[in-house]
Amino acid sequence: MARAVPGPPGQWLIGDVTAYQSDRLGWLATNRDRFGDVVRLSSNVIAVHHPELVHQVLAQTNHAYTVDNGLRAGRRERLEQQAHVAEWMAVRREIWSAIADQLTIRHAERFTARVTDELTDLTSSPFDLTQACRRLLGRALTDFCAGAEADPSRLETLAEAADSLFGTALQALLSHEGRVGWWPRPHAREAVRANRHLLDLLEELIRRRLPEGRPEQPRDLVDGLAAGVAAEADLSKAVSVLRSVMFASHGVPGAAQAWIALRLAEHAELSAAIAAEPDADDRYIGAFIKETLRLHPPQWLITRTTAERVRIGGYEIDRGVEVLLCPYLLHRDPRFWRDPERFDPARWLGTGQPHARHAYLPFGAGPRFCPGSQLATAQLTVVTRLLARDYRLKLPPVSEVRATTNGLLMPESVTARLVSVDPRKEVHA
């Protein structure tokens, strides 16, 4: 007889979902310590905490596990979605690997100039930290995808559409609406409408570029994608890749930048070290960003759904079970990190990895590893260097900041002030 996954008794039908919803991180941490690395939340939801088991789930995604975005209802719809995954992933890899590096270089030049202007504007008055960072990095992503557009209003419309899709899709996933085809699903319907709107905008954008011909060097992702469009099928693939980049990369860099700003304000000596580092040397700033993402991973929770009967940590898990993976707890687990609650960028400057294998997942892992992670890191590096070198941040201590886990892990209701400084005076001070 198969062993049952242990967990708190909970309530009939819904398990311990009510307690989980009231304090997600608290529930996951408490029950991991109480029941071990595989814990039952309800009859069709489990949490997995050991890095080897987490890696097993992520590595088998697209085969034994699926990524459920909350928009599909019923087994047939989800099977149809799964049937197209292999083709979509192949197209994404082919296009991204061909153009990402050269586009990042072109984008970085535009991005640095625009960020400098936007940071200057923020010095005029207090602002909400998370909103400002999400807007700054969200517009950066739009610039990478479509920055060659001459009309700024089109870029703003595109950014707003991507933001709407991200928010509605997240709400659909978190709402736990019924997943049978006949069940009312208002959140999913809203997300489907937002998705259709974004797809229409992206298709229109690519079609506008087609008559221009292929530039010698792509100015943005749309240029790179449009160059490969020779038929309607190619157009559909290009739109799909563009949409996936805008959706998958949206929100996370902005949330990460908000946490980085808080850590810069709290650790003046580390901020000074970043400011003194030559632009060509990203070693210390890279360690600072890695450490911030360790303690404050925006994607604090990753979910997968079993596509077949699987075995996890000695337990037989049926098809259709949702599997929760928590990078936040994994990154702070003393079994896999030394002094995990301490903010210490220097841990990343040694010769070896500062953690157990598979215990660091700021951008996921496996086949669905975030393709925009290098771009996001490059953008975070630019903004962090500018903040450390040219500004002083006035923010509360991290210990006083409340984090929301309703979607991404983000600082909640933090008022910030940004003060411009003269770097030359700072050097001689």
Foldseek 3Di string as FASTA:
>chain_A
DFDDAAEDQADPPQAQVVVCVVPVVVRVVVGCVVRNQWYDRGPFAIEGEDLVLQCVAQQCELHQWDADLLQAFDPVRVVVVSVCVVVLLVLLVVLCVVAVVLLLVLLLVVLLVVLVVLLVVQQPDKDFQLVSLLVSVLLSLLCQAQVVDPDVVLSVVLSVLLVQLLVLSLCSVVVCFHRHPVGDRVSSVSNVVSLVVNLVSLLVSLVVCLVVAADPHDNHLSSSQSNPDDDPVSSVSSSSSSSCLSNLVRPQLSQLLSLLLLVCQVCVVLLLVLLPDDPVDCQSVLLSSQLSCLQFQQPQKGKIFGCAFDAGPSGTRGGGHIYIYGLNCLSQPVVWAPPSVDRDSCCSVDDDHRTPPSSHASQHDHSVRNSCPVSSSSSSSSNSNCQSQFKHKDWDHPVPFDWDPSRTTHTPRTIMHIGTDDNVVVVVD
